[in-house]
Protein backbone atom coordinates (compact mmCIF):
# COMPACT_ATOMS: atom_id res chain seq x y z
CA MET A 1 127.22 64.47 -55.65
CA ALA A 2 129.57 64.38 -52.24
CA ASP A 3 127.80 67.76 -51.05
CA ARG A 4 124.40 66.22 -51.76
CA PHE A 5 125.42 63.08 -49.71
CA SER A 6 126.82 65.08 -46.78
CA ASP A 7 123.52 67.18 -46.86
CA THR A 8 121.70 63.85 -46.44
CA LEU A 9 123.67 62.66 -43.57
CA ALA A 10 123.31 66.14 -41.94
CA SER A 11 119.51 65.93 -42.28
CA LEU A 12 119.58 62.33 -40.91
CA ALA A 13 121.15 63.87 -37.73
CA GLY A 14 118.44 66.43 -37.38
CA ALA A 15 120.40 69.40 -38.82
CA ARG A 16 118.44 72.32 -40.53
CA ALA A 17 119.79 73.58 -43.79
CA ASP A 18 118.88 77.20 -43.02
CA ILE A 19 121.06 77.23 -39.93
CA LEU A 20 123.84 75.36 -41.43
CA GLU A 21 123.92 78.21 -44.08
CA VAL A 22 124.70 80.67 -41.15
CA VAL A 23 126.70 78.41 -38.97
CA SER A 24 128.47 76.19 -41.52
CA GLY A 25 131.01 74.99 -39.19
CA ALA A 26 128.60 72.79 -37.49
CA ARG A 27 128.08 70.77 -40.63
CA THR A 28 130.90 68.37 -39.80
CA ARG A 29 129.49 67.25 -36.40
CA PHE A 30 126.01 66.70 -37.97
CA VAL A 31 127.69 64.72 -40.94
CA ALA A 32 129.54 62.49 -38.49
CA MET A 33 126.49 61.83 -36.53
CA GLY A 34 124.51 60.93 -39.61
CA ALA A 35 127.20 58.44 -40.70
CA ALA A 36 126.94 56.85 -37.37
CA LEU A 37 123.27 56.57 -37.69
CA LEU A 38 123.54 55.03 -41.05
CA THR A 39 126.28 52.57 -39.89
CA THR A 40 124.00 51.47 -37.05
CA ALA A 41 121.23 50.90 -39.52
CA ALA A 42 123.49 48.97 -41.95
CA ILE A 43 124.59 46.61 -39.03
CA ALA A 44 121.01 46.13 -37.89
CA SER A 45 120.02 45.29 -41.52
CA LEU A 46 122.84 42.78 -41.67
CA SER A 47 121.85 41.24 -38.37
CA ALA A 48 118.09 41.00 -39.36
CA GLY A 49 119.09 39.20 -42.64
CA PHE A 50 121.07 36.71 -40.72
CA ALA A 51 118.36 36.13 -38.11
CA VAL A 52 115.70 35.58 -40.87
CA ARG A 53 117.89 33.32 -42.74
CA MET A 54 118.65 31.14 -39.56
CA ALA A 55 115.19 31.18 -38.07
CA LEU A 56 112.90 30.86 -41.19
CA ASP A 57 115.41 29.38 -43.67
CA ALA A 58 114.24 32.04 -46.04
CA PRO A 59 115.84 32.51 -49.48
CA VAL A 60 118.73 35.12 -49.57
CA GLY A 61 116.47 37.57 -51.59
CA VAL A 62 113.83 37.45 -48.97
CA ALA A 63 116.16 37.68 -45.99
CA ALA A 64 117.91 40.68 -47.51
CA ALA A 65 114.61 42.40 -48.32
CA ILE A 66 113.56 41.97 -44.62
CA GLY A 67 116.92 42.98 -43.36
CA ALA A 68 116.66 46.23 -45.37
CA GLY A 69 113.22 46.95 -43.87
CA TRP A 70 114.43 46.33 -40.44
CA GLY A 71 117.39 48.64 -41.10
CA VAL A 72 115.05 51.40 -41.97
CA VAL A 73 113.03 50.90 -38.80
CA ILE A 74 116.23 51.05 -36.76
CA LEU A 75 117.37 54.18 -38.56
CA VAL A 76 114.02 55.90 -37.92
CA ILE A 77 114.06 55.00 -34.19
CA ASP A 78 117.75 56.09 -33.65
CA ARG A 79 117.07 59.34 -35.42
CA ALA A 80 114.01 59.95 -33.31
CA LEU A 81 116.08 59.26 -30.22
CA VAL A 82 118.81 61.55 -31.21
CA VAL A 83 116.65 64.40 -32.55
CA GLY A 84 114.41 64.23 -29.47
CA MET A 85 117.31 65.03 -27.07
CA GLY A 86 117.12 68.86 -26.92
CA GLN A 87 119.96 70.93 -25.32
CA HIS A 88 119.41 71.94 -21.77
CA PRO A 89 121.82 73.68 -19.37
CA SER A 90 121.25 71.47 -16.49
CA LEU A 91 123.50 68.24 -16.42
CA LEU A 92 120.97 66.31 -14.40
CA ARG A 93 118.20 67.33 -17.09
CA ASN A 94 120.36 66.13 -19.87
CA LEU A 95 121.18 62.77 -18.01
CA GLY A 96 117.62 62.38 -17.28
CA ILE A 97 116.45 62.93 -20.85
CA ALA A 98 119.17 60.48 -22.14
CA ALA A 99 118.51 57.65 -19.51
CA PRO A 100 115.48 56.06 -21.18
CA ARG A 101 117.08 56.37 -24.47
CA VAL A 102 120.15 54.69 -23.35
CA VAL A 103 118.07 51.85 -22.06
CA LEU A 104 116.23 51.47 -25.42
CA ALA A 105 119.61 51.69 -27.18
CA LEU A 106 120.95 48.85 -24.98
CA ILE A 107 118.02 46.62 -25.79
CA LEU A 108 118.43 47.37 -29.57
CA GLY A 109 122.14 46.66 -29.22
CA THR A 110 121.37 43.18 -27.83
CA VAL A 111 118.88 42.36 -30.49
CA ILE A 112 121.22 43.64 -33.20
CA SER A 113 124.31 41.84 -32.00
CA THR A 114 122.91 38.39 -31.14
CA PRO A 115 122.40 37.19 -34.81
CA ILE A 116 125.72 38.37 -35.94
CA THR A 117 127.26 36.53 -33.00
CA LEU A 118 125.52 33.47 -33.92
CA GLN A 119 126.90 33.74 -37.55
CA ILE A 120 130.29 34.30 -36.38
CA PHE A 121 130.53 31.19 -34.19
CA HIS A 122 128.12 29.02 -36.50
CA HIS A 123 130.69 26.15 -36.82
CA GLU A 124 131.01 25.61 -33.06
CA ILE A 125 127.29 26.07 -32.72
CA ASP A 126 126.51 23.44 -35.27
CA THR A 127 128.76 20.93 -33.57
CA GLU A 128 127.03 21.68 -30.16
CA ILE A 129 123.53 21.44 -31.71
CA HIS A 130 124.38 17.82 -33.02
CA THR A 131 125.23 16.99 -29.46
CA ILE A 132 122.13 18.53 -28.15
CA HIS A 133 120.01 16.53 -30.58
CA ARG A 134 121.71 13.33 -29.57
CA GLU A 135 121.10 13.98 -26.07
CA ALA A 136 117.33 14.92 -26.64
CA ALA A 137 117.05 11.42 -28.71
CA ASP A 138 118.23 9.47 -25.81
CA THR A 139 116.18 11.20 -23.38
CA PHE A 140 113.13 10.51 -25.70
CA SER A 141 114.07 6.86 -26.17
CA GLN A 142 114.44 6.54 -22.43
CA SER A 143 110.87 8.24 -21.94
CA LEU A 144 109.42 5.71 -24.47
CA ALA A 145 110.90 2.76 -22.75
CA ASN A 146 109.41 3.94 -19.36
CA ASP A 147 106.02 4.73 -20.96
CA ALA A 148 103.33 2.43 -19.35
CA ARG A 149 101.63 2.09 -22.56
CA PHE A 150 104.64 0.10 -24.07
CA SER A 151 105.76 -1.76 -21.05
CA VAL A 152 103.99 -4.92 -22.03
CA ILE A 153 105.87 -5.08 -25.27
CA PRO A 154 108.59 -7.47 -24.03
CA GLN A 155 105.98 -9.76 -22.60
CA LEU A 156 103.96 -9.68 -26.02
CA GLN A 157 107.20 -10.41 -27.81
CA GLN A 158 107.94 -13.36 -25.59
CA GLN A 159 104.36 -14.69 -26.15
CA VAL A 160 104.77 -14.38 -29.87
CA GLU A 161 107.97 -16.37 -29.75
CA ASP A 162 106.38 -19.09 -27.65
CA ALA A 163 103.36 -19.20 -30.00
CA LYS A 164 105.67 -19.63 -33.06
CA ALA A 165 107.59 -22.33 -31.41
CA ARG A 166 104.39 -24.28 -30.42
CA VAL A 167 103.13 -23.95 -34.02
CA VAL A 168 106.43 -25.03 -35.49
CA SER A 169 106.88 -28.06 -33.14
CA ASP A 170 103.17 -28.90 -33.62
CA GLY A 171 102.69 -28.03 -29.99
CA GLY A 172 105.76 -29.82 -28.84
CA THR A 173 106.76 -27.02 -26.51
CA ASP A 174 103.42 -27.35 -24.73
CA PRO A 175 103.69 -28.89 -21.21
CA ALA A 176 100.62 -30.79 -21.67
CA VAL A 177 101.95 -32.21 -25.06
CA LYS A 178 105.26 -32.78 -23.31
CA ASP A 179 103.50 -35.06 -20.89
CA LYS A 180 101.70 -37.01 -23.53
CA GLN A 181 104.86 -37.33 -25.58
CA ALA A 182 106.55 -38.73 -22.28
CA ALA A 183 103.70 -41.18 -21.90
CA TYR A 184 104.12 -42.41 -25.37
CA ASP A 185 107.82 -42.73 -25.19
CA ALA A 186 107.46 -44.90 -21.96
CA ALA A 187 104.72 -47.02 -23.67
CA PHE A 188 106.86 -47.44 -26.80
CA ALA A 189 109.81 -48.23 -24.75
CA LYS A 190 108.04 -50.83 -22.86
CA TYR A 191 106.64 -52.33 -26.20
CA GLN A 192 110.19 -52.46 -27.53
CA GLU A 193 111.26 -54.19 -24.40
CA LEU A 194 108.48 -56.77 -24.69
CA GLN A 195 109.05 -57.35 -28.40
CA ALA A 196 112.65 -57.97 -27.82
CA ALA A 197 111.79 -60.44 -24.99
CA ALA A 198 109.50 -62.36 -27.34
CA GLN A 199 112.06 -62.39 -30.11
CA CYS A 200 114.62 -63.63 -27.70
CA GLU A 201 112.31 -66.26 -26.44
CA LEU A 202 111.71 -67.36 -30.18
CA ASN A 203 115.29 -67.44 -30.74
CA GLY A 204 116.18 -69.52 -27.67
CA THR A 205 118.71 -66.88 -26.45
CA CYS A 206 116.82 -66.10 -23.27
CA GLY A 207 114.06 -67.34 -21.18
CA THR A 208 113.61 -71.08 -21.50
CA GLN A 209 116.52 -71.25 -23.78
CA ARG A 210 114.61 -73.31 -26.30
CA ALA A 211 114.14 -71.90 -29.82
CA GLY A 212 110.94 -72.16 -31.64
CA VAL A 213 107.32 -71.19 -30.85
CA GLY A 214 106.07 -72.29 -27.44
CA ASP A 215 104.05 -71.33 -24.45
CA ALA A 216 106.81 -69.04 -23.22
CA TYR A 217 106.92 -67.36 -26.71
CA ASP A 218 103.28 -67.10 -27.11
CA SER A 219 102.92 -65.50 -23.55
CA ALA A 220 105.82 -62.93 -24.44
CA ARG A 221 104.16 -62.17 -27.77
CA LEU A 222 100.85 -61.52 -26.16
CA ALA A 223 102.30 -59.14 -23.68
CA ALA A 224 104.10 -57.34 -26.49
CA GLU A 225 100.85 -57.06 -28.51
CA ARG A 226 98.93 -55.69 -25.38
CA GLN A 227 101.82 -53.18 -24.84
CA LEU A 228 101.39 -52.17 -28.60
CA ALA A 229 97.86 -51.34 -27.91
CA VAL A 230 98.98 -49.08 -25.01
CA VAL A 231 101.49 -47.56 -27.40
CA ASP A 232 98.76 -46.84 -30.10
CA ALA A 233 96.35 -45.14 -27.40
CA ALA A 234 99.42 -43.23 -26.19
CA ARG A 235 100.04 -42.13 -29.94
CA ALA A 236 96.40 -41.05 -30.47
CA ASP A 237 96.54 -38.83 -27.18
CA LEU A 238 99.74 -37.27 -28.24
CA GLU A 239 98.59 -36.52 -31.66
CA ALA A 240 95.27 -34.98 -30.23
CA ALA A 241 97.00 -32.93 -27.68
CA SER A 242 99.58 -31.79 -30.38
CA ALA A 243 96.77 -30.57 -32.77
CA ARG A 244 94.98 -28.78 -29.93
CA SER A 245 97.98 -27.15 -28.74
CA LYS A 246 98.99 -26.15 -32.27
CA SER A 247 95.41 -24.71 -33.12
CA GLN A 248 95.54 -22.73 -29.78
CA ALA A 249 98.98 -21.36 -30.29
CA GLN A 250 97.93 -20.13 -33.85
CA SER A 251 94.99 -18.41 -32.57
CA ASP A 252 97.04 -16.88 -29.67
CA LEU A 253 99.78 -15.91 -32.15
CA ASP A 254 97.36 -13.93 -34.30
CA ALA A 255 95.75 -11.96 -31.42
CA VAL A 256 99.03 -11.23 -29.80
CA GLN A 257 100.84 -10.23 -33.02
CA SER A 258 97.95 -7.83 -33.67
CA ARG A 259 98.16 -6.16 -30.35
CA LEU A 260 101.99 -5.98 -30.60
CA SER A 261 102.00 -4.69 -34.17
CA GLY A 262 99.68 -1.68 -32.99
CA LEU A 263 101.83 -0.91 -30.04
CA LEU A 264 105.01 -1.14 -32.13
CA LYS A 265 103.47 1.20 -34.78
CA THR A 266 102.51 3.75 -32.11
CA ARG A 267 105.83 3.71 -30.65
CA GLN A 268 107.48 4.10 -34.02
CA ASP A 269 105.19 6.90 -35.06
CA LEU A 270 106.19 8.82 -31.94
CA GLN A 271 109.84 8.02 -32.52
CA ASP A 272 109.61 9.15 -36.18
CA SER A 273 107.75 12.39 -35.19
CA PHE A 274 110.27 13.33 -32.62
CA ASP A 275 113.29 12.49 -35.00
CA ALA A 276 111.66 15.01 -37.63
CA ARG A 277 111.22 17.65 -35.05
CA ASN A 278 114.63 16.92 -33.74
CA ALA A 279 116.39 17.07 -36.96
CA ASP A 280 114.25 20.31 -37.86
CA ASP A 281 115.17 22.03 -34.78
CA THR A 282 118.22 24.32 -35.93
CA GLY A 283 116.52 27.61 -35.39
CA LEU A 284 117.31 30.70 -33.47
CA LEU A 285 116.35 29.27 -30.03
CA ILE A 286 118.57 26.17 -30.11
CA ARG A 287 121.46 28.14 -31.46
CA LEU A 288 121.17 30.53 -28.66
CA GLU A 289 121.20 27.54 -26.16
CA ALA A 290 124.11 25.96 -27.99
CA LEU A 291 125.93 29.32 -27.82
CA GLU A 292 125.26 29.58 -23.97
CA ARG A 293 126.55 25.95 -23.50
CA ILE A 294 129.67 26.69 -25.46
CA GLY A 295 130.25 29.71 -23.57
CA SER A 296 129.69 27.92 -20.11
CA GLN A 297 132.14 25.18 -21.30
CA HIS A 298 134.69 27.28 -22.92
CA ALA A 299 135.65 30.65 -21.11
CA MET A 300 137.52 31.94 -24.08
CA LEU A 301 134.36 31.70 -26.22
CA GLY A 302 132.22 33.09 -23.60
CA TRP A 303 134.47 36.27 -23.42
CA ALA A 304 134.39 36.57 -27.12
CA HIS A 305 130.60 36.58 -26.98
CA ARG A 306 130.53 39.21 -24.47
CA LEU A 307 133.06 41.48 -26.29
CA LEU A 308 130.97 41.06 -29.52
CA TRP A 309 127.82 42.10 -27.68
CA LEU A 310 129.66 44.93 -26.09
CA MET A 311 131.07 46.17 -29.50
CA PHE A 312 127.74 46.26 -31.04
CA THR A 313 125.92 47.83 -28.22
CA CYS A 314 128.52 50.71 -28.21
CA ILE A 315 128.01 51.13 -31.94
CA GLU A 316 124.27 51.33 -31.36
CA LEU A 317 124.77 53.79 -28.47
CA LEU A 318 127.14 55.75 -30.58
CA PRO A 319 124.96 58.48 -32.00
CA LEU A 320 123.18 58.81 -28.67
CA LEU A 321 126.57 59.39 -26.78
CA ILE A 322 127.69 61.88 -29.48
CA LYS A 323 124.35 63.84 -29.01
CA LEU A 324 124.71 63.69 -25.31
CA LEU A 325 128.30 65.00 -25.32
CA MET A 326 127.28 67.80 -27.60
CA ASN A 327 124.48 68.65 -25.12
CA LEU A 328 126.92 68.60 -22.19
CA GLY A 329 129.42 70.92 -23.74
CA GLY A 330 127.26 73.91 -23.49
CA SER A 331 125.33 75.92 -26.09
CA SER A 332 127.10 75.99 -29.56
CA ALA A 333 126.75 78.63 -32.36
CA TYR A 334 124.43 76.31 -34.00
CA ASP A 335 122.15 76.05 -30.96
CA ARG A 336 122.29 79.77 -30.37
CA VAL A 337 121.29 80.49 -33.98
CA GLN A 338 118.39 77.97 -33.81
CA GLN A 339 117.21 79.26 -30.55
CA ALA A 340 117.22 82.88 -31.80
CA GLN A 341 115.47 81.80 -35.05
CA ASP A 342 113.04 79.74 -33.33
CA SER A 343 112.41 82.51 -30.79
CA GLY A 344 112.04 85.10 -33.62
CA ASP A 345 109.56 82.75 -35.43
CA ALA A 346 107.66 82.30 -32.39
CA ASP A 347 107.47 86.09 -31.70
CA VAL A 348 106.40 86.71 -35.21
CA PHE A 349 103.72 83.93 -35.10
CA GLU A 350 102.48 85.44 -31.79
CA GLU A 351 102.10 88.73 -33.32
CA GLN A 352 100.52 87.44 -36.33
CA LEU A 353 98.07 85.49 -34.02
CA GLY A 354 97.46 88.77 -32.00
CA ALA A 355 96.70 90.70 -35.30
CA TRP A 356 94.46 87.70 -36.63
CA LYS A 357 92.56 87.99 -33.41
CA ASP A 358 92.11 91.76 -33.65
CA VAL A 359 90.87 91.45 -37.06
CA GLN A 360 88.33 88.77 -36.07
CA ARG A 361 87.15 90.90 -33.32
CA GLU A 362 86.74 93.90 -35.60
CA ARG A 363 84.96 91.83 -38.10
CA ALA A 364 82.58 90.66 -35.46
CA ARG A 365 81.87 94.12 -34.27
CA LEU A 366 81.38 95.37 -37.82
CA GLY A 367 79.15 92.30 -38.44
CA VAL A 368 77.00 93.30 -35.41
CA ASP A 369 76.77 96.96 -36.53
CA LEU A 370 75.79 95.97 -40.07
CA GLU A 371 73.26 93.61 -38.82
CA HIS A 372 71.72 96.37 -36.61
CA ASP A 373 71.55 98.80 -39.46
CA ARG A 374 70.00 96.20 -41.79
CA LEU A 375 67.36 95.42 -39.25
CA SER A 376 66.66 99.13 -38.74
CA ARG A 377 66.31 99.84 -42.49
CA GLU A 378 64.10 96.74 -42.88
CA LYS A 379 61.91 97.95 -39.96
CA ALA A 380 61.48 101.48 -41.46
CA GLN A 381 60.83 100.10 -44.76
CA GLY A 382 58.08 97.87 -43.40
CA LEU A 383 56.43 100.76 -41.59
CA ALA A 384 56.46 102.84 -44.70
CA ILE A 385 55.00 99.95 -46.73
CA ASN A 386 52.45 99.49 -43.92
CA GLU A 387 51.25 103.21 -44.23
CA LYS A 388 51.06 103.06 -48.04
CA VAL A 389 48.84 99.83 -47.70
CA ILE A 390 46.61 101.68 -45.19
CA MET A 391 46.20 104.49 -47.51
CA GLN A 392 45.42 102.35 -50.47
CA GLN A 393 42.98 100.42 -48.33
CA THR A 394 41.22 103.58 -47.29
CA LYS A 395 40.83 104.70 -50.94
CA VAL A 396 39.54 101.35 -51.84
CA VAL A 397 36.94 101.56 -49.02
CA GLU A 398 35.90 105.17 -49.78
CA ALA A 399 35.48 104.18 -53.49
CA ALA A 400 33.55 101.00 -52.60
CA LEU A 401 31.25 102.97 -50.32
CA ALA A 402 30.68 105.74 -53.05
CA ILE A 403 29.74 103.04 -55.42
CA TRP A 404 27.46 101.51 -52.87
CA ALA A 405 25.59 104.83 -52.12
CA ARG A 406 24.80 105.29 -55.74
CA HIS A 407 23.45 101.88 -55.92
CA ALA A 408 21.36 102.22 -53.11
CA GLU A 409 19.95 105.54 -54.30
CA PHE A 410 18.98 103.90 -57.56
CA GLN A 411 17.36 100.90 -55.68
CA ALA A 412 15.43 103.38 -53.49
CA ALA A 413 14.10 105.37 -56.52
CA GLU A 414 12.98 102.31 -58.18
CA GLN A 415 11.15 101.10 -55.10
CA LEU A 416 9.59 104.53 -54.71
CA ALA A 417 8.27 104.54 -58.41
CA GLU A 418 7.05 101.12 -57.85
CA TYR A 419 5.05 102.35 -54.70
CA GLU A 420 3.62 105.33 -56.69
CA ARG A 421 2.36 102.89 -59.44
CA GLN A 422 0.75 100.79 -56.82
CA LEU A 423 -1.06 103.73 -55.22
CA ALA A 424 -2.25 104.88 -58.67
CA ALA A 425 -3.61 101.46 -59.43
CA GLU A 426 -6.02 101.60 -56.21
CA GLY A 427 -8.65 103.65 -58.09
CA PRO A 428 -9.91 107.02 -58.42
CA GLY A 429 -11.77 107.11 -55.06
CA GLY A 430 -8.53 107.16 -53.36
CA SER A 431 -6.36 110.04 -52.78
CA ALA A 432 -3.02 109.55 -54.44
CA VAL A 433 -0.02 110.44 -52.56
CA HIS A 434 2.99 111.29 -54.75
CA LEU A 435 6.48 111.06 -53.44
CA HIS A 436 9.12 113.00 -55.11
CA THR A 437 12.79 112.10 -54.82
CA ASP A 438 15.01 114.73 -54.11
CA PRO A 439 18.70 113.91 -54.87
CA ALA A 440 19.85 115.98 -51.77
CA THR A 441 17.06 114.96 -49.18
CA GLY A 442 15.81 111.66 -50.46
CA PRO A 443 12.16 110.75 -51.05
CA ARG A 444 9.50 113.07 -49.43
CA PRO A 445 5.55 113.34 -49.90
CA ALA A 446 4.09 116.01 -52.25
CA GLU A 447 3.15 119.49 -50.97
CA GLY A 448 -0.25 119.63 -49.18
CA ASN A 449 -0.25 115.80 -48.53
CA PRO A 450 1.50 115.22 -45.27
CA ILE A 451 1.76 111.49 -44.67
CA SER A 452 3.81 109.31 -42.38
CA PRO A 453 6.47 107.36 -44.25
CA TYR A 454 5.32 104.30 -42.37
CA GLU A 455 1.62 104.19 -43.32
CA HIS A 456 -0.79 105.51 -45.84
CA PRO A 457 -4.56 105.20 -45.88
CA SER A 458 -5.83 103.21 -48.81
CA ARG A 459 -8.93 103.82 -50.73
CA ASN A 460 -10.91 101.32 -48.49
CA GLY A 461 -9.45 102.73 -45.25
CA HIS A 462 -6.81 100.16 -44.82
CA SER A 463 -3.19 101.02 -43.91
CA THR A 464 -0.48 101.06 -46.43
CA HIS A 465 2.02 99.85 -43.79
CA ASN A 466 3.26 96.85 -45.84
CA ALA A 467 4.29 99.12 -48.82
CA ALA A 468 6.01 101.59 -46.60
CA ASN A 469 7.81 98.60 -45.08
CA ALA A 470 9.06 97.35 -48.48
CA TYR A 471 10.23 100.70 -49.22
CA LEU A 472 12.18 101.12 -46.07
CA ARG A 473 13.66 97.63 -46.38
CA ALA A 474 14.78 98.60 -49.91
CA ALA A 475 16.36 101.66 -48.56
CA ALA A 476 18.16 100.04 -45.54
CA LEU A 477 21.99 100.44 -45.13
CA PRO A 478 24.33 97.50 -44.76
CA ASP A 479 24.67 98.16 -40.96
CA GLY A 480 20.75 98.16 -40.47
CA GLY A 481 20.31 101.88 -40.69
CA LEU A 482 18.04 103.78 -42.80
CA LEU A 483 18.79 106.13 -45.56
């Protein structure tokens, strides 16, 4: 089991089993490098799990699964960085090859170390996050107070209070009603004064000093009664003004309250929305901000943060640094064996490739020769077939001509016999001409009767030219010649 695990670690570091069998002493270095790669991947997996848990508030199982996947990605990247660094004799060449890989390793180290650092200082960060939330809430409240949309709220609130006071007091707080109230109070006070003077005159305690009804009393009583009419008129004006003021105040109160309620609801909705966002703002960004603020306020925590970042970055760089040091140390036995084996494999491949090319060229040449032979054979075969066809066609034509010649002789004999019958039918006065057919020479006249084959005198002296023409037409050849 241990050997299998060490083989796995060596394979992660890029070692080849066939070379390790030859140079077994190199196994230790590759096993150590593989362990460093595996350690880096495990730390990256843990860091990613913390990051997912903080940023997305994911369940532990989901965070662990995502962290494991991220660890595999980091393992693949680190292995590619390490395996891709070949050994070169030049120091500058080795450093140039390692430089971009070091930069990438620094970036990965920063990404990996940050979530772990946040988890280590999470108590201090949570406290600072509360402070940030409170400051954000104060800032937002101040912005709402300065918002032009809500600047009229205090005025509307005062208008509501005034309208309510007017409604409750039946318009008593209205200046117009107050004037009517003052006029009524003055008229009523005057009435009370006149009423008291009439009563005093009736009692004899003032005025004429004579008790009882008299002219002085009647005059005082009439003055009091006239003043009472003024009081009644002032009361009527006061009540009318109070009713108008109360009705107007109620109407104003409804309108102002409706507008005030809408503005207050809008402001409260904005406040509630901000409070929800502010309370939910506990993710990775605000934690980074809190860590930065704590580091700027507390030097010790800032140094601790830097040291943690440096430690995890060094862990991420460890496999790369080990590989770089191995390359700078010169060619090892493993490297020499690997180079020799790779060179031998390359030579064998080149020889095999050359042999394969020779075989392909020979096959191509043989293919051309075979094709040439095939075409030659097909050409000779075609010529032989053509000769046989011509011979057979000649035989067929000769046989056809022989058949046609016999048919023509038969037709000529038939025509000649018909001609003799026609001559015999012309009567006894005529001299019959008998034509005999010789198989060798064809038709000819009988001896002692020379006659042209084109005409023959008839019994009445007319030419037998038409009968001869019929005979000649019957003995005509296909090409227009005569037998």
